[in-house]
Amino acid sequence: MTVLVYLLPMALLLGLSGLAAFLWSLRSGQYDDMEGAALRVLNDDDMKE
């Protein structure tokens, strides 16, 4: 039962740090151009004959 004293704060800290990283990525514009990345895969500019 004393293990919960250590595990619960560590789990909360990891969860909050993951949330902070996700919010940081939203604010820095990581998810702004979702269509462009999908269309870049289909571009065949590197295949020149």
N, C-alpha and C. Protein backbone atom coordinates (compact mmCIF):
# COMPACT_ATOMS: atom_id res chain seq x y z
N MET A 1 0.81 -1.19 0.00
CA MET A 1 0.00 0.00 0.00
C MET A 1 0.85 1.27 0.00
N THR A 2 2.04 1.17 0.55
CA THR A 2 2.91 2.35 0.55
C THR A 2 3.47 2.65 -0.83
N VAL A 3 3.41 1.65 -1.71
CA VAL A 3 3.87 1.86 -3.08
C VAL A 3 3.00 2.90 -3.78
N LEU A 4 1.73 3.00 -3.42
CA LEU A 4 0.84 3.99 -4.01
C LEU A 4 1.28 5.41 -3.71
N VAL A 5 1.96 5.60 -2.61
CA VAL A 5 2.47 6.93 -2.26
C VAL A 5 3.50 7.39 -3.29
N TYR A 6 4.22 6.46 -3.88
CA TYR A 6 5.22 6.80 -4.89
C TYR A 6 4.65 6.76 -6.30
N LEU A 7 3.82 5.77 -6.56
CA LEU A 7 3.32 5.57 -7.92
C LEU A 7 2.28 6.62 -8.33
N LEU A 8 1.44 7.01 -7.44
CA LEU A 8 0.40 7.98 -7.79
C LEU A 8 0.97 9.34 -8.19
N PRO A 9 1.88 9.93 -7.43
CA PRO A 9 2.47 11.20 -7.89
C PRO A 9 3.27 11.06 -9.18
N MET A 10 3.96 9.92 -9.34
CA MET A 10 4.72 9.72 -10.58
C MET A 10 3.79 9.61 -11.78
N ALA A 11 2.66 8.93 -11.62
CA ALA A 11 1.70 8.80 -12.71
C ALA A 11 1.08 10.15 -13.05
N LEU A 12 0.77 10.93 -12.03
CA LEU A 12 0.22 12.27 -12.26
C LEU A 12 1.24 13.16 -12.95
N LEU A 13 2.49 13.07 -12.54
CA LEU A 13 3.55 13.87 -13.15
C LEU A 13 3.76 13.50 -14.62
N LEU A 14 3.75 12.21 -14.91
CA LEU A 14 3.90 11.77 -16.30
C LEU A 14 2.71 12.19 -17.15
N GLY A 15 1.53 12.09 -16.61
CA GLY A 15 0.33 12.50 -17.34
C GLY A 15 0.32 13.99 -17.62
N LEU A 16 0.68 14.78 -16.62
CA LEU A 16 0.72 16.23 -16.81
C LEU A 16 1.83 16.66 -17.76
N SER A 17 2.95 15.97 -17.74
CA SER A 17 4.02 16.31 -18.69
C SER A 17 3.62 15.93 -20.11
N GLY A 18 2.89 14.84 -20.28
CA GLY A 18 2.39 14.49 -21.61
C GLY A 18 1.37 15.50 -22.11
N LEU A 19 0.52 15.95 -21.23
CA LEU A 19 -0.46 16.97 -21.59
C LEU A 19 0.24 18.29 -21.94
N ALA A 20 1.26 18.65 -21.18
CA ALA A 20 2.00 19.87 -21.47
C ALA A 20 2.71 19.77 -22.82
N ALA A 21 3.27 18.62 -23.15
CA ALA A 21 3.93 18.44 -24.45
C ALA A 21 2.92 18.52 -25.59
N PHE A 22 1.74 17.96 -25.39
CA PHE A 22 0.71 18.03 -26.41
C PHE A 22 0.23 19.46 -26.62
N LEU A 23 0.01 20.19 -25.53
CA LEU A 23 -0.42 21.59 -25.66
C LEU A 23 0.67 22.45 -26.30
N TRP A 24 1.93 22.17 -25.98
CA TRP A 24 3.03 22.89 -26.61
C TRP A 24 3.06 22.63 -28.12
N SER A 25 2.84 21.38 -28.53
CA SER A 25 2.85 21.07 -29.95
C SER A 25 1.67 21.72 -30.67
N LEU A 26 0.54 21.86 -30.01
CA LEU A 26 -0.59 22.56 -30.61
C LEU A 26 -0.26 24.04 -30.82
N ARG A 27 0.35 24.65 -29.82
CA ARG A 27 0.66 26.08 -29.91
C ARG A 27 1.79 26.37 -30.89
N SER A 28 2.68 25.41 -31.11
CA SER A 28 3.80 25.65 -32.02
C SER A 28 3.44 25.35 -33.47
N GLY A 29 2.22 24.88 -33.73
CA GLY A 29 1.77 24.70 -35.10
C GLY A 29 2.09 23.36 -35.72
N GLN A 30 2.26 22.33 -34.92
CA GLN A 30 2.58 21.01 -35.45
C GLN A 30 1.43 20.40 -36.24
N TYR A 31 0.20 20.79 -35.94
CA TYR A 31 -0.96 20.18 -36.57
C TYR A 31 -1.70 21.14 -37.50
N ASP A 32 -1.01 22.16 -37.99
CA ASP A 32 -1.68 23.16 -38.82
C ASP A 32 -2.00 22.65 -40.22
N ASP A 33 -1.08 21.95 -40.85
CA ASP A 33 -1.24 21.55 -42.24
C ASP A 33 -1.34 20.03 -42.35
N MET A 34 -2.49 19.49 -42.02
CA MET A 34 -2.66 18.04 -42.07
C MET A 34 -2.84 17.54 -43.51
N GLU A 35 -3.43 18.35 -44.38
CA GLU A 35 -3.65 17.93 -45.76
C GLU A 35 -2.36 17.95 -46.57
N GLY A 36 -1.51 18.91 -46.32
CA GLY A 36 -0.26 19.03 -47.07
C GLY A 36 0.65 17.84 -46.88
N ALA A 37 0.73 17.33 -45.66
CA ALA A 37 1.57 16.17 -45.39
C ALA A 37 1.04 14.93 -46.10
N ALA A 38 -0.26 14.81 -46.18
CA ALA A 38 -0.85 13.65 -46.85
C ALA A 38 -0.62 13.72 -48.36
N LEU A 39 -0.64 14.90 -48.92
CA LEU A 39 -0.44 15.04 -50.36
C LEU A 39 1.04 14.97 -50.74
N ARG A 40 1.93 15.32 -49.84
CA ARG A 40 3.36 15.25 -50.13
C ARG A 40 3.83 13.82 -50.34
N VAL A 41 3.15 12.86 -49.74
CA VAL A 41 3.51 11.46 -49.90
C VAL A 41 3.28 11.02 -51.34
N LEU A 42 2.26 11.58 -51.98
CA LEU A 42 1.91 11.18 -53.34
C LEU A 42 2.73 11.88 -54.40
N ASN A 43 3.54 12.85 -54.03
CA ASN A 43 4.32 13.62 -54.98
C ASN A 43 5.50 12.76 -55.48
N ASP A 44 5.66 12.69 -56.81
CA ASP A 44 6.73 11.86 -57.42
C ASP A 44 7.84 12.70 -58.02
N ASP A 45 8.22 13.78 -57.40
CA ASP A 45 9.27 14.64 -57.96
C ASP A 45 10.63 13.98 -57.94
N ASP A 46 10.89 13.10 -57.00
CA ASP A 46 12.22 12.49 -56.90
C ASP A 46 12.43 11.36 -57.91
N MET A 47 11.39 10.92 -58.60
CA MET A 47 11.53 9.85 -59.59
C MET A 47 11.65 10.45 -60.99
N LYS A 48 12.87 10.83 -61.37
CA LYS A 48 13.12 11.39 -62.70
C LYS A 48 13.81 10.36 -63.56
N GLU A 49 13.35 10.23 -64.77
CA GLU A 49 13.92 9.20 -65.65
C GLU A 49 14.88 9.81 -66.62
